Amino acid sequence: MSRRTSPAGAVAAAAVCATLTACVVIDREGAAFHGPVVIEHPGYPPYWPAPVAASGPCPLLDGRFELHDLDDRRPLSLLHWTQPWAPAPAGATHVDLAGPRGGGLTVRWLGADATVLLQRTLHEDVDFRCVAGWLQVPLAAPALPGVVATRHARLGRNVRGDLVVAQTEAGGGLGFLVVPLYGSFKDWHAYRQAMPAPTGATRDGTP
């Protein structure tokens, strides 16, 4: 399995490139980018069920979801995305989501026998934002000298009811020769629902 260059890493690589006469940065798909700009925004996987977004500003994420990632290129456990809210308790096998309603999203980490191991209530504009029908969660960005980076995940659903996560990372800074550098990347992840969730979402675009 190939590794994707992070925005901060791409900016650092581009900084080195700026000092050389010939240099390329290779992304995980094998595409070569010449110079100090690296952008990788793959589209939503066409072999996955189509994404949907709620009719309102935020999607309803009601459901119980498995931890296994459907992305086989760079799989991440669902617990990776809940980490900003609370450290996952030992023995967690599923995550329950309820909401958001009234500005609140309830998250429950479940054990193998569906016992609630941990529960948290998240609040809009504090723990998440509603953006164009997706629930956006801020994530910690890598820190490198001279680089400003941002990272967030957007959560939604697909037509099968699975949880869909679109992670976007971007970073910029100055190279050794004071050359502007920039890297931007997007990843797609999905998690099967273990129990049926309410319907009512309508087909929409992707973030």
N, C-alpha and C. Protein backbone atom coordinates (compact mmCIF):
# COMPACT_ATOMS: atom_id res chain seq x y z
N MET A 1 0.85 -1.20 0.00
CA MET A 1 0.00 0.00 0.00
C MET A 1 0.89 1.24 0.00
N SER A 2 0.65 2.20 -0.91
CA SER A 2 1.47 3.38 -1.01
C SER A 2 1.08 4.41 0.04
N ARG A 3 2.02 5.31 0.33
CA ARG A 3 1.77 6.35 1.31
C ARG A 3 1.56 7.67 0.63
N ARG A 4 0.61 8.42 1.10
CA ARG A 4 0.31 9.74 0.56
C ARG A 4 1.17 10.77 1.25
N THR A 5 1.68 11.75 0.51
CA THR A 5 2.44 12.83 1.09
C THR A 5 1.50 13.76 1.84
N SER A 6 1.85 14.13 3.07
CA SER A 6 1.03 15.07 3.82
C SER A 6 1.26 16.48 3.30
N PRO A 7 0.33 17.44 3.54
CA PRO A 7 0.54 18.81 3.09
C PRO A 7 1.84 19.38 3.63
N ALA A 8 2.10 19.19 4.92
CA ALA A 8 3.33 19.72 5.49
C ALA A 8 4.55 19.07 4.84
N GLY A 9 4.46 17.74 4.62
CA GLY A 9 5.57 17.05 3.97
C GLY A 9 5.75 17.51 2.54
N ALA A 10 4.65 17.75 1.85
CA ALA A 10 4.73 18.22 0.46
C ALA A 10 5.36 19.60 0.40
N VAL A 11 5.00 20.47 1.35
CA VAL A 11 5.58 21.80 1.39
C VAL A 11 7.07 21.71 1.65
N ALA A 12 7.46 20.81 2.59
CA ALA A 12 8.88 20.63 2.87
C ALA A 12 9.60 20.10 1.64
N ALA A 13 8.98 19.12 0.94
CA ALA A 13 9.59 18.58 -0.27
C ALA A 13 9.70 19.64 -1.34
N ALA A 14 8.65 20.48 -1.46
CA ALA A 14 8.68 21.54 -2.45
C ALA A 14 9.77 22.56 -2.12
N ALA A 15 10.01 22.77 -0.82
CA ALA A 15 11.07 23.69 -0.41
C ALA A 15 12.42 23.19 -0.90
N VAL A 16 12.64 21.86 -0.80
CA VAL A 16 13.87 21.29 -1.33
C VAL A 16 13.91 21.43 -2.83
N CYS A 17 12.76 21.18 -3.47
CA CYS A 17 12.69 21.29 -4.92
C CYS A 17 13.07 22.69 -5.39
N ALA A 18 12.69 23.70 -4.59
CA ALA A 18 12.94 25.08 -4.99
C ALA A 18 14.43 25.37 -5.09
N THR A 19 15.29 24.55 -4.45
CA THR A 19 16.73 24.77 -4.48
C THR A 19 17.41 23.97 -5.58
N LEU A 20 16.64 23.16 -6.30
CA LEU A 20 17.22 22.29 -7.32
C LEU A 20 16.79 22.73 -8.70
N THR A 21 17.55 22.32 -9.72
CA THR A 21 17.22 22.68 -11.09
C THR A 21 16.15 21.79 -11.67
N ALA A 22 16.04 20.55 -11.17
CA ALA A 22 15.02 19.62 -11.67
C ALA A 22 14.54 18.77 -10.51
N CYS A 23 13.25 18.80 -10.25
CA CYS A 23 12.72 18.06 -9.12
C CYS A 23 11.23 17.86 -9.32
N VAL A 24 10.72 16.72 -8.88
CA VAL A 24 9.30 16.45 -8.92
C VAL A 24 8.87 15.87 -7.59
N VAL A 25 7.61 16.06 -7.25
CA VAL A 25 6.99 15.43 -6.09
C VAL A 25 5.98 14.43 -6.62
N ILE A 26 6.03 13.19 -6.14
CA ILE A 26 5.15 12.13 -6.62
C ILE A 26 4.05 11.89 -5.60
N ASP A 27 2.81 11.91 -6.03
CA ASP A 27 1.71 11.63 -5.10
C ASP A 27 1.44 10.13 -5.10
N ARG A 28 0.46 9.70 -4.27
CA ARG A 28 0.23 8.27 -4.08
C ARG A 28 -0.35 7.61 -5.31
N GLU A 29 -0.90 8.40 -6.24
CA GLU A 29 -1.43 7.81 -7.47
C GLU A 29 -0.37 7.73 -8.56
N GLY A 30 0.84 8.22 -8.27
CA GLY A 30 1.90 8.18 -9.25
C GLY A 30 1.96 9.40 -10.13
N ALA A 31 1.16 10.44 -9.85
CA ALA A 31 1.18 11.66 -10.67
C ALA A 31 2.35 12.53 -10.23
N ALA A 32 3.06 13.11 -11.18
CA ALA A 32 4.21 13.96 -10.87
C ALA A 32 3.80 15.43 -10.92
N PHE A 33 4.24 16.18 -9.92
CA PHE A 33 3.95 17.60 -9.86
C PHE A 33 5.27 18.36 -9.86
N HIS A 34 5.51 19.18 -10.87
CA HIS A 34 6.74 19.96 -10.96
C HIS A 34 6.55 21.27 -10.21
N GLY A 35 7.59 21.68 -9.49
CA GLY A 35 7.54 22.97 -8.84
C GLY A 35 6.96 22.91 -7.44
N PRO A 36 6.65 24.09 -6.87
CA PRO A 36 6.31 24.18 -5.45
C PRO A 36 4.83 24.01 -5.12
N VAL A 37 4.01 23.55 -6.05
CA VAL A 37 2.59 23.37 -5.77
C VAL A 37 2.22 21.91 -5.96
N VAL A 38 1.62 21.29 -4.93
CA VAL A 38 1.18 19.90 -4.99
C VAL A 38 -0.28 19.85 -4.57
N ILE A 39 -1.15 19.40 -5.46
CA ILE A 39 -2.59 19.32 -5.16
C ILE A 39 -3.08 17.93 -5.54
N GLU A 40 -3.73 17.28 -4.59
CA GLU A 40 -4.29 15.95 -4.83
C GLU A 40 -5.69 15.91 -4.24
N HIS A 41 -6.70 16.02 -5.10
CA HIS A 41 -8.10 16.01 -4.68
C HIS A 41 -8.84 14.94 -5.47
N PRO A 42 -8.65 13.68 -5.14
CA PRO A 42 -9.36 12.62 -5.88
C PRO A 42 -10.86 12.73 -5.68
N GLY A 43 -11.61 12.37 -6.69
CA GLY A 43 -13.06 12.40 -6.58
C GLY A 43 -13.58 11.28 -5.70
N TYR A 44 -14.84 11.39 -5.35
CA TYR A 44 -15.50 10.35 -4.56
C TYR A 44 -15.41 9.02 -5.30
N PRO A 45 -15.01 7.94 -4.63
CA PRO A 45 -14.84 6.65 -5.32
C PRO A 45 -16.11 6.23 -6.05
N PRO A 46 -16.05 6.03 -7.35
CA PRO A 46 -17.25 5.73 -8.14
C PRO A 46 -17.87 4.37 -7.82
N TYR A 47 -17.10 3.46 -7.20
CA TYR A 47 -17.62 2.13 -6.89
C TYR A 47 -18.28 2.08 -5.51
N TRP A 48 -18.30 3.20 -4.78
CA TRP A 48 -19.03 3.28 -3.52
C TRP A 48 -20.45 3.76 -3.78
N PRO A 49 -21.41 3.44 -2.89
CA PRO A 49 -22.75 4.02 -3.02
C PRO A 49 -22.67 5.55 -3.02
N ALA A 50 -23.51 6.17 -3.80
CA ALA A 50 -23.44 7.63 -4.00
C ALA A 50 -23.62 8.39 -2.68
N PRO A 51 -22.89 9.50 -2.50
CA PRO A 51 -23.05 10.30 -1.29
C PRO A 51 -24.34 11.09 -1.33
N VAL A 52 -24.86 11.38 -0.16
CA VAL A 52 -26.03 12.24 -0.04
C VAL A 52 -25.75 13.27 1.03
N ALA A 53 -26.52 14.34 1.02
CA ALA A 53 -26.43 15.35 2.06
C ALA A 53 -27.84 15.68 2.50
N ALA A 54 -27.98 16.07 3.75
CA ALA A 54 -29.30 16.40 4.28
C ALA A 54 -29.87 17.63 3.59
N SER A 55 -31.18 17.77 3.66
CA SER A 55 -31.82 18.93 3.06
C SER A 55 -31.51 20.20 3.84
N GLY A 56 -31.14 20.08 5.11
CA GLY A 56 -30.79 21.23 5.92
C GLY A 56 -29.29 21.48 5.92
N PRO A 57 -28.83 22.37 6.79
CA PRO A 57 -27.40 22.70 6.81
C PRO A 57 -26.51 21.59 7.32
N CYS A 58 -27.06 20.63 8.07
CA CYS A 58 -26.26 19.54 8.62
C CYS A 58 -26.96 18.22 8.35
N PRO A 59 -26.22 17.14 8.12
CA PRO A 59 -26.85 15.84 7.89
C PRO A 59 -27.24 15.18 9.21
N LEU A 60 -28.27 14.33 9.17
CA LEU A 60 -28.56 13.48 10.32
C LEU A 60 -27.66 12.26 10.23
N LEU A 61 -26.88 12.04 11.26
CA LEU A 61 -25.91 10.94 11.25
C LEU A 61 -26.37 9.76 12.09
N ASP A 62 -27.67 9.72 12.43
CA ASP A 62 -28.19 8.64 13.28
C ASP A 62 -27.78 7.27 12.77
N GLY A 63 -27.21 6.46 13.63
CA GLY A 63 -26.87 5.10 13.23
C GLY A 63 -25.75 4.53 14.07
N ARG A 64 -25.57 3.22 13.93
CA ARG A 64 -24.46 2.51 14.57
C ARG A 64 -23.52 2.06 13.47
N PHE A 65 -22.23 2.37 13.62
CA PHE A 65 -21.29 2.18 12.52
C PHE A 65 -20.13 1.28 12.93
N GLU A 66 -19.69 0.48 11.97
CA GLU A 66 -18.52 -0.37 12.17
C GLU A 66 -17.25 0.49 12.12
N LEU A 67 -16.18 -0.02 12.67
CA LEU A 67 -14.93 0.73 12.73
C LEU A 67 -14.08 0.55 11.48
N HIS A 68 -14.33 -0.52 10.71
CA HIS A 68 -13.52 -0.85 9.54
C HIS A 68 -13.75 0.14 8.41
N ASP A 69 -12.68 0.63 7.81
CA ASP A 69 -12.74 1.60 6.72
C ASP A 69 -12.90 0.87 5.38
N LEU A 70 -13.81 1.34 4.54
CA LEU A 70 -13.98 0.78 3.21
C LEU A 70 -12.89 1.21 2.24
N ASP A 71 -12.13 2.25 2.60
CA ASP A 71 -11.01 2.68 1.77
C ASP A 71 -9.85 1.72 1.97
N ASP A 72 -9.49 0.96 0.95
CA ASP A 72 -8.42 -0.03 1.10
C ASP A 72 -7.06 0.53 0.72
N ARG A 73 -6.98 1.79 0.31
CA ARG A 73 -5.70 2.39 -0.05
C ARG A 73 -4.98 2.95 1.18
N ARG A 74 -5.73 3.63 2.03
CA ARG A 74 -5.16 4.21 3.25
C ARG A 74 -6.20 4.11 4.35
N PRO A 75 -6.52 2.90 4.79
CA PRO A 75 -7.62 2.73 5.73
C PRO A 75 -7.32 3.33 7.10
N LEU A 76 -8.35 3.94 7.68
CA LEU A 76 -8.27 4.50 9.02
C LEU A 76 -9.49 4.04 9.80
N SER A 77 -9.29 3.63 11.02
CA SER A 77 -10.41 3.23 11.86
C SER A 77 -11.34 4.42 12.10
N LEU A 78 -12.62 4.14 12.26
CA LEU A 78 -13.56 5.20 12.60
C LEU A 78 -13.15 5.91 13.89
N LEU A 79 -12.45 5.20 14.76
CA LEU A 79 -11.98 5.80 16.02
C LEU A 79 -10.99 6.93 15.77
N HIS A 80 -10.36 6.93 14.60
CA HIS A 80 -9.44 8.02 14.24
C HIS A 80 -10.19 9.35 14.19
N TRP A 81 -11.43 9.32 13.68
CA TRP A 81 -12.19 10.56 13.51
C TRP A 81 -12.89 10.99 14.79
N THR A 82 -13.09 10.07 15.72
CA THR A 82 -13.71 10.45 17.00
C THR A 82 -12.66 10.88 18.03
N GLN A 83 -11.38 10.74 17.69
CA GLN A 83 -10.31 11.08 18.62
C GLN A 83 -10.37 12.54 19.10
N PRO A 84 -10.72 13.51 18.23
CA PRO A 84 -10.79 14.90 18.73
C PRO A 84 -11.86 15.08 19.82
N TRP A 85 -12.84 14.18 19.88
CA TRP A 85 -13.92 14.32 20.86
C TRP A 85 -13.60 13.65 22.18
N ALA A 86 -12.93 12.51 22.12
CA ALA A 86 -12.55 11.78 23.33
C ALA A 86 -11.67 10.60 22.93
N PRO A 87 -10.70 10.23 23.76
CA PRO A 87 -9.91 9.02 23.49
C PRO A 87 -10.84 7.79 23.50
N ALA A 88 -10.68 6.95 22.52
CA ALA A 88 -11.54 5.77 22.42
C ALA A 88 -11.30 4.84 23.60
N PRO A 89 -12.35 4.37 24.26
CA PRO A 89 -12.17 3.43 25.37
C PRO A 89 -11.72 2.06 24.86
N ALA A 90 -10.97 1.37 25.68
CA ALA A 90 -10.51 0.03 25.31
C ALA A 90 -11.70 -0.89 25.08
N GLY A 91 -11.63 -1.69 24.04
CA GLY A 91 -12.70 -2.64 23.75
C GLY A 91 -13.81 -2.10 22.88
N ALA A 92 -13.70 -0.89 22.39
CA ALA A 92 -14.74 -0.32 21.53
C ALA A 92 -14.79 -1.09 20.20
N THR A 93 -16.00 -1.45 19.77
CA THR A 93 -16.18 -2.18 18.51
C THR A 93 -17.08 -1.45 17.52
N HIS A 94 -17.88 -0.51 18.01
CA HIS A 94 -18.79 0.27 17.17
C HIS A 94 -18.92 1.67 17.74
N VAL A 95 -19.41 2.58 16.89
CA VAL A 95 -19.71 3.94 17.33
C VAL A 95 -21.16 4.25 16.97
N ASP A 96 -21.91 4.73 17.95
CA ASP A 96 -23.28 5.19 17.75
C ASP A 96 -23.29 6.70 17.62
N LEU A 97 -23.99 7.21 16.61
CA LEU A 97 -24.17 8.65 16.46
C LEU A 97 -25.66 8.96 16.49
N ALA A 98 -26.03 10.05 17.17
CA ALA A 98 -27.42 10.49 17.23
C ALA A 98 -27.44 12.00 17.05
N GLY A 99 -28.09 12.44 15.96
CA GLY A 99 -28.17 13.87 15.68
C GLY A 99 -27.37 14.21 14.43
N PRO A 100 -27.03 15.50 14.33
CA PRO A 100 -27.26 16.55 15.33
C PRO A 100 -28.70 17.06 15.33
N ARG A 101 -29.17 17.35 16.53
CA ARG A 101 -30.49 17.97 16.74
C ARG A 101 -30.36 19.05 17.80
N GLY A 102 -30.96 20.19 17.53
CA GLY A 102 -30.89 21.28 18.49
C GLY A 102 -29.48 21.72 18.78
N GLY A 103 -28.59 21.57 17.80
CA GLY A 103 -27.21 21.98 17.98
C GLY A 103 -26.35 20.98 18.71
N GLY A 104 -26.87 19.76 18.97
CA GLY A 104 -26.11 18.76 19.70
C GLY A 104 -26.00 17.45 18.96
N LEU A 105 -24.85 16.79 19.05
CA LEU A 105 -24.60 15.47 18.48
C LEU A 105 -24.14 14.55 19.60
N THR A 106 -24.84 13.44 19.79
CA THR A 106 -24.48 12.47 20.82
C THR A 106 -23.65 11.36 20.21
N VAL A 107 -22.52 11.07 20.84
CA VAL A 107 -21.61 10.02 20.38
C VAL A 107 -21.47 8.99 21.49
N ARG A 108 -21.67 7.72 21.13
CA ARG A 108 -21.51 6.63 22.10
C ARG A 108 -20.52 5.62 21.53
N TRP A 109 -19.53 5.24 22.34
CA TRP A 109 -18.60 4.20 21.98
C TRP A 109 -19.10 2.91 22.61
N LEU A 110 -19.31 1.87 21.79
CA LEU A 110 -19.92 0.63 22.26
C LEU A 110 -18.92 -0.52 22.28
N GLY A 111 -19.14 -1.44 23.24
CA GLY A 111 -18.35 -2.66 23.30
C GLY A 111 -19.00 -3.76 22.49
N ALA A 112 -18.39 -4.94 22.52
CA ALA A 112 -18.85 -6.06 21.69
C ALA A 112 -20.28 -6.47 21.99
N ASP A 113 -20.73 -6.29 23.23
CA ASP A 113 -22.10 -6.67 23.59
C ASP A 113 -23.03 -5.47 23.57
N ALA A 114 -22.64 -4.41 22.84
CA ALA A 114 -23.42 -3.17 22.69
C ALA A 114 -23.51 -2.38 23.99
N THR A 115 -22.66 -2.70 24.96
CA THR A 115 -22.60 -1.90 26.19
C THR A 115 -22.00 -0.53 25.88
N VAL A 116 -22.59 0.53 26.41
CA VAL A 116 -22.06 1.88 26.22
C VAL A 116 -20.83 2.05 27.11
N LEU A 117 -19.68 2.17 26.47
CA LEU A 117 -18.42 2.33 27.20
C LEU A 117 -18.15 3.79 27.54
N LEU A 118 -18.62 4.68 26.68
CA LEU A 118 -18.39 6.12 26.87
C LEU A 118 -19.43 6.87 26.05
N GLN A 119 -19.90 7.99 26.57
CA GLN A 119 -20.86 8.83 25.86
C GLN A 119 -20.46 10.29 26.00
N ARG A 120 -20.56 11.02 24.87
CA ARG A 120 -20.27 12.44 24.87
C ARG A 120 -21.33 13.17 24.06
N THR A 121 -21.68 14.37 24.48
CA THR A 121 -22.55 15.24 23.69
C THR A 121 -21.73 16.39 23.15
N LEU A 122 -21.73 16.52 21.83
CA LEU A 122 -20.95 17.56 21.17
C LEU A 122 -21.86 18.72 20.80
N HIS A 123 -21.27 19.92 20.70
CA HIS A 123 -22.06 21.12 20.49
C HIS A 123 -21.62 21.85 19.22
N GLU A 124 -22.62 22.27 18.45
CA GLU A 124 -22.34 23.01 17.23
C GLU A 124 -21.61 24.31 17.54
N ASP A 125 -20.69 24.68 16.65
CA ASP A 125 -19.85 25.88 16.76
C ASP A 125 -18.81 25.78 17.87
N VAL A 126 -18.79 24.65 18.57
CA VAL A 126 -17.73 24.39 19.55
C VAL A 126 -16.93 23.16 19.10
N ASP A 127 -17.64 22.05 18.89
CA ASP A 127 -16.99 20.80 18.49
C ASP A 127 -17.13 20.50 17.00
N PHE A 128 -18.12 21.10 16.36
CA PHE A 128 -18.33 20.88 14.94
C PHE A 128 -19.08 22.06 14.35
N ARG A 129 -19.10 22.11 13.00
CA ARG A 129 -19.86 23.12 12.26
C ARG A 129 -20.68 22.41 11.20
N CYS A 130 -21.78 23.02 10.81
CA CYS A 130 -22.59 22.54 9.69
C CYS A 130 -22.22 23.34 8.46
N VAL A 131 -21.74 22.65 7.42
CA VAL A 131 -21.24 23.32 6.22
C VAL A 131 -21.82 22.64 4.99
N ALA A 132 -22.75 23.32 4.32
CA ALA A 132 -23.29 22.84 3.04
C ALA A 132 -23.81 21.41 3.12
N GLY A 133 -24.50 21.07 4.21
CA GLY A 133 -25.09 19.76 4.33
C GLY A 133 -24.15 18.70 4.87
N TRP A 134 -22.96 19.10 5.32
CA TRP A 134 -21.99 18.19 5.90
C TRP A 134 -21.62 18.66 7.30
N LEU A 135 -21.26 17.72 8.17
CA LEU A 135 -20.82 18.06 9.51
C LEU A 135 -19.30 18.13 9.52
N GLN A 136 -18.77 19.32 9.76
CA GLN A 136 -17.33 19.54 9.68
C GLN A 136 -16.70 19.55 11.06
N VAL A 137 -15.61 18.79 11.19
CA VAL A 137 -14.90 18.63 12.46
C VAL A 137 -13.47 19.12 12.27
N PRO A 138 -12.99 20.05 13.10
CA PRO A 138 -11.58 20.46 12.99
C PRO A 138 -10.66 19.37 13.50
N LEU A 139 -9.51 19.22 12.83
CA LEU A 139 -8.52 18.22 13.21
C LEU A 139 -7.17 18.90 13.44
N ALA A 140 -6.34 18.29 14.25
CA ALA A 140 -5.01 18.83 14.50
C ALA A 140 -4.19 18.77 13.22
N ALA A 141 -3.51 19.86 12.89
CA ALA A 141 -2.69 19.93 11.69
C ALA A 141 -1.22 19.75 12.06
N PRO A 142 -0.43 19.16 11.14
CA PRO A 142 1.00 18.99 11.42
C PRO A 142 1.69 20.34 11.56
N ALA A 143 2.70 20.40 12.41
CA ALA A 143 3.42 21.64 12.67
C ALA A 143 4.84 21.55 12.12
N LEU A 144 5.20 22.47 11.22
CA LEU A 144 6.55 22.58 10.71
C LEU A 144 6.94 24.05 10.70
N PRO A 145 8.20 24.37 10.96
CA PRO A 145 8.62 25.77 10.93
C PRO A 145 8.34 26.42 9.58
N GLY A 146 7.73 27.57 9.61
CA GLY A 146 7.47 28.31 8.38
C GLY A 146 6.28 27.83 7.59
N VAL A 147 5.53 26.86 8.12
CA VAL A 147 4.39 26.30 7.40
C VAL A 147 3.10 26.54 8.18
N VAL A 148 2.08 27.04 7.51
CA VAL A 148 0.76 27.18 8.10
C VAL A 148 -0.14 26.12 7.48
N ALA A 149 -0.72 25.25 8.30
CA ALA A 149 -1.50 24.13 7.79
C ALA A 149 -2.87 24.07 8.45
N THR A 150 -3.86 23.60 7.71
CA THR A 150 -5.20 23.38 8.24
C THR A 150 -5.62 21.96 7.88
N ARG A 151 -6.53 21.40 8.70
CA ARG A 151 -6.99 20.04 8.46
C ARG A 151 -8.38 19.90 9.06
N HIS A 152 -9.30 19.33 8.30
CA HIS A 152 -10.64 19.08 8.83
C HIS A 152 -11.24 17.86 8.14
N ALA A 153 -12.28 17.33 8.78
CA ALA A 153 -13.03 16.21 8.21
C ALA A 153 -14.49 16.63 8.08
N ARG A 154 -15.12 16.21 6.99
CA ARG A 154 -16.56 16.44 6.81
C ARG A 154 -17.27 15.09 6.80
N LEU A 155 -18.30 14.97 7.64
CA LEU A 155 -19.04 13.72 7.79
C LEU A 155 -20.40 13.84 7.13
N GLY A 156 -20.81 12.79 6.42
CA GLY A 156 -22.12 12.74 5.79
C GLY A 156 -22.54 11.28 5.64
N ARG A 157 -23.47 11.04 4.73
CA ARG A 157 -23.99 9.69 4.51
C ARG A 157 -23.94 9.36 3.02
N ASN A 158 -24.06 8.07 2.72
CA ASN A 158 -24.30 7.68 1.34
C ASN A 158 -25.69 7.05 1.25
N VAL A 159 -26.10 6.68 0.03
CA VAL A 159 -27.46 6.22 -0.17
C VAL A 159 -27.73 4.90 0.53
N ARG A 160 -26.70 4.17 0.92
CA ARG A 160 -26.86 2.93 1.66
C ARG A 160 -26.97 3.19 3.16
N GLY A 161 -26.69 4.42 3.59
CA GLY A 161 -26.76 4.77 4.99
C GLY A 161 -25.42 4.75 5.70
N ASP A 162 -24.34 4.40 4.97
CA ASP A 162 -23.02 4.36 5.58
C ASP A 162 -22.56 5.78 5.94
N LEU A 163 -21.61 5.84 6.86
CA LEU A 163 -20.99 7.11 7.23
C LEU A 163 -19.85 7.39 6.26
N VAL A 164 -19.85 8.58 5.68
CA VAL A 164 -18.81 8.98 4.72
C VAL A 164 -18.00 10.11 5.35
N VAL A 165 -16.68 10.02 5.22
CA VAL A 165 -15.78 11.04 5.76
C VAL A 165 -14.88 11.55 4.64
N ALA A 166 -14.87 12.86 4.45
CA ALA A 166 -13.96 13.50 3.50
C ALA A 166 -12.96 14.33 4.31
N GLN A 167 -11.71 13.92 4.28
CA GLN A 167 -10.68 14.66 5.00
C GLN A 167 -9.94 15.58 4.04
N THR A 168 -9.78 16.84 4.41
CA THR A 168 -9.04 17.80 3.59
C THR A 168 -7.91 18.40 4.41
N GLU A 169 -6.72 18.42 3.83
CA GLU A 169 -5.55 19.01 4.46
C GLU A 169 -4.93 20.01 3.49
N ALA A 170 -4.45 21.11 4.01
CA ALA A 170 -3.77 22.10 3.17
C ALA A 170 -2.69 22.77 3.99
N GLY A 171 -1.57 23.09 3.34
CA GLY A 171 -0.49 23.77 4.03
C GLY A 171 0.28 24.64 3.07
N GLY A 172 0.80 25.74 3.58
CA GLY A 172 1.58 26.66 2.76
C GLY A 172 2.67 27.32 3.58
N GLY A 173 3.70 27.80 2.88
CA GLY A 173 4.78 28.48 3.57
C GLY A 173 5.78 28.99 2.56
N LEU A 174 6.99 29.30 3.02
CA LEU A 174 8.04 29.82 2.17
C LEU A 174 9.21 28.85 2.16
N GLY A 175 9.80 28.65 0.97
CA GLY A 175 10.94 27.78 0.83
C GLY A 175 12.24 28.49 1.17
N PHE A 176 13.34 27.77 0.93
CA PHE A 176 14.65 28.31 1.28
C PHE A 176 14.97 29.58 0.51
N LEU A 177 14.45 29.70 -0.69
CA LEU A 177 14.70 30.88 -1.51
C LEU A 177 13.53 31.84 -1.46
N VAL A 178 12.77 31.79 -0.39
CA VAL A 178 11.58 32.65 -0.19
C VAL A 178 10.61 32.45 -1.35
N VAL A 179 10.43 31.20 -1.74
CA VAL A 179 9.49 30.86 -2.81
C VAL A 179 8.19 30.37 -2.16
N PRO A 180 7.04 30.93 -2.55
CA PRO A 180 5.77 30.44 -1.98
C PRO A 180 5.54 28.97 -2.32
N LEU A 181 5.11 28.21 -1.33
CA LEU A 181 4.89 26.77 -1.50
C LEU A 181 3.51 26.44 -0.99
N TYR A 182 2.88 25.43 -1.61
CA TYR A 182 1.52 25.06 -1.20
C TYR A 182 1.26 23.59 -1.50
N GLY A 183 0.58 22.91 -0.56
CA GLY A 183 0.13 21.54 -0.79
C GLY A 183 -1.29 21.36 -0.30
N SER A 184 -2.11 20.63 -1.03
CA SER A 184 -3.51 20.41 -0.64
C SER A 184 -3.91 19.00 -1.03
N PHE A 185 -4.60 18.30 -0.10
CA PHE A 185 -4.95 16.90 -0.31
C PHE A 185 -6.34 16.61 0.22
N LYS A 186 -6.99 15.63 -0.38
CA LYS A 186 -8.28 15.16 0.12
C LYS A 186 -8.27 13.63 0.13
N ASP A 187 -8.87 13.06 1.16
CA ASP A 187 -9.02 11.61 1.30
C ASP A 187 -10.49 11.29 1.51
N TRP A 188 -10.92 10.14 1.01
CA TRP A 188 -12.29 9.67 1.24
C TRP A 188 -12.26 8.39 2.08
N HIS A 189 -13.17 8.30 3.05
CA HIS A 189 -13.29 7.11 3.90
C HIS A 189 -14.78 6.82 4.10
N ALA A 190 -15.12 5.57 4.36
CA ALA A 190 -16.52 5.21 4.58
C ALA A 190 -16.61 4.04 5.55
N TYR A 191 -17.71 4.01 6.30
CA TYR A 191 -17.90 3.02 7.37
C TYR A 191 -19.32 2.49 7.30
N ARG A 192 -19.43 1.16 7.20
CA ARG A 192 -20.74 0.54 7.06
C ARG A 192 -21.58 0.74 8.33
N GLN A 193 -22.89 0.94 8.11
CA GLN A 193 -23.78 1.01 9.26
C GLN A 193 -24.10 -0.41 9.72
N ALA A 194 -24.05 -0.62 11.02
CA ALA A 194 -24.33 -1.93 11.58
C ALA A 194 -25.80 -2.12 11.88
N MET A 195 -26.54 -1.02 11.97
CA MET A 195 -27.98 -1.05 12.21
C MET A 195 -28.63 -0.02 11.30
N PRO A 196 -29.85 -0.28 10.83
CA PRO A 196 -30.53 0.69 9.96
C PRO A 196 -30.66 2.05 10.62
N ALA A 197 -30.55 3.08 9.81
CA ALA A 197 -30.70 4.45 10.28
C ALA A 197 -31.88 5.11 9.58
N PRO A 198 -32.44 6.17 10.14
CA PRO A 198 -33.57 6.84 9.49
C PRO A 198 -33.20 7.36 8.12
N THR A 199 -34.14 7.32 7.19
CA THR A 199 -33.93 7.87 5.87
C THR A 199 -34.39 9.32 5.86
N GLY A 200 -34.43 9.94 4.67
CA GLY A 200 -34.89 11.32 4.59
C GLY A 200 -33.86 12.24 3.96
N ALA A 201 -32.64 11.70 3.69
CA ALA A 201 -31.64 12.52 3.02
C ALA A 201 -31.92 12.51 1.54
N THR A 202 -31.46 13.54 0.86
CA THR A 202 -31.66 13.65 -0.58
C THR A 202 -30.30 13.76 -1.25
N ARG A 203 -30.23 13.29 -2.50
CA ARG A 203 -28.96 13.30 -3.24
C ARG A 203 -28.46 14.73 -3.38
N ASP A 204 -27.14 14.89 -3.19
CA ASP A 204 -26.53 16.20 -3.30
C ASP A 204 -25.10 16.02 -3.79
N GLY A 205 -24.36 17.12 -3.81
CA GLY A 205 -22.97 17.07 -4.25
C GLY A 205 -22.06 16.59 -3.15
N THR A 206 -20.76 16.59 -3.45
CA THR A 206 -19.74 16.22 -2.47
C THR A 206 -19.03 17.47 -2.01
N PRO A 207 -18.44 17.42 -0.80
CA PRO A 207 -17.77 18.64 -0.29
C PRO A 207 -16.52 18.95 -1.07
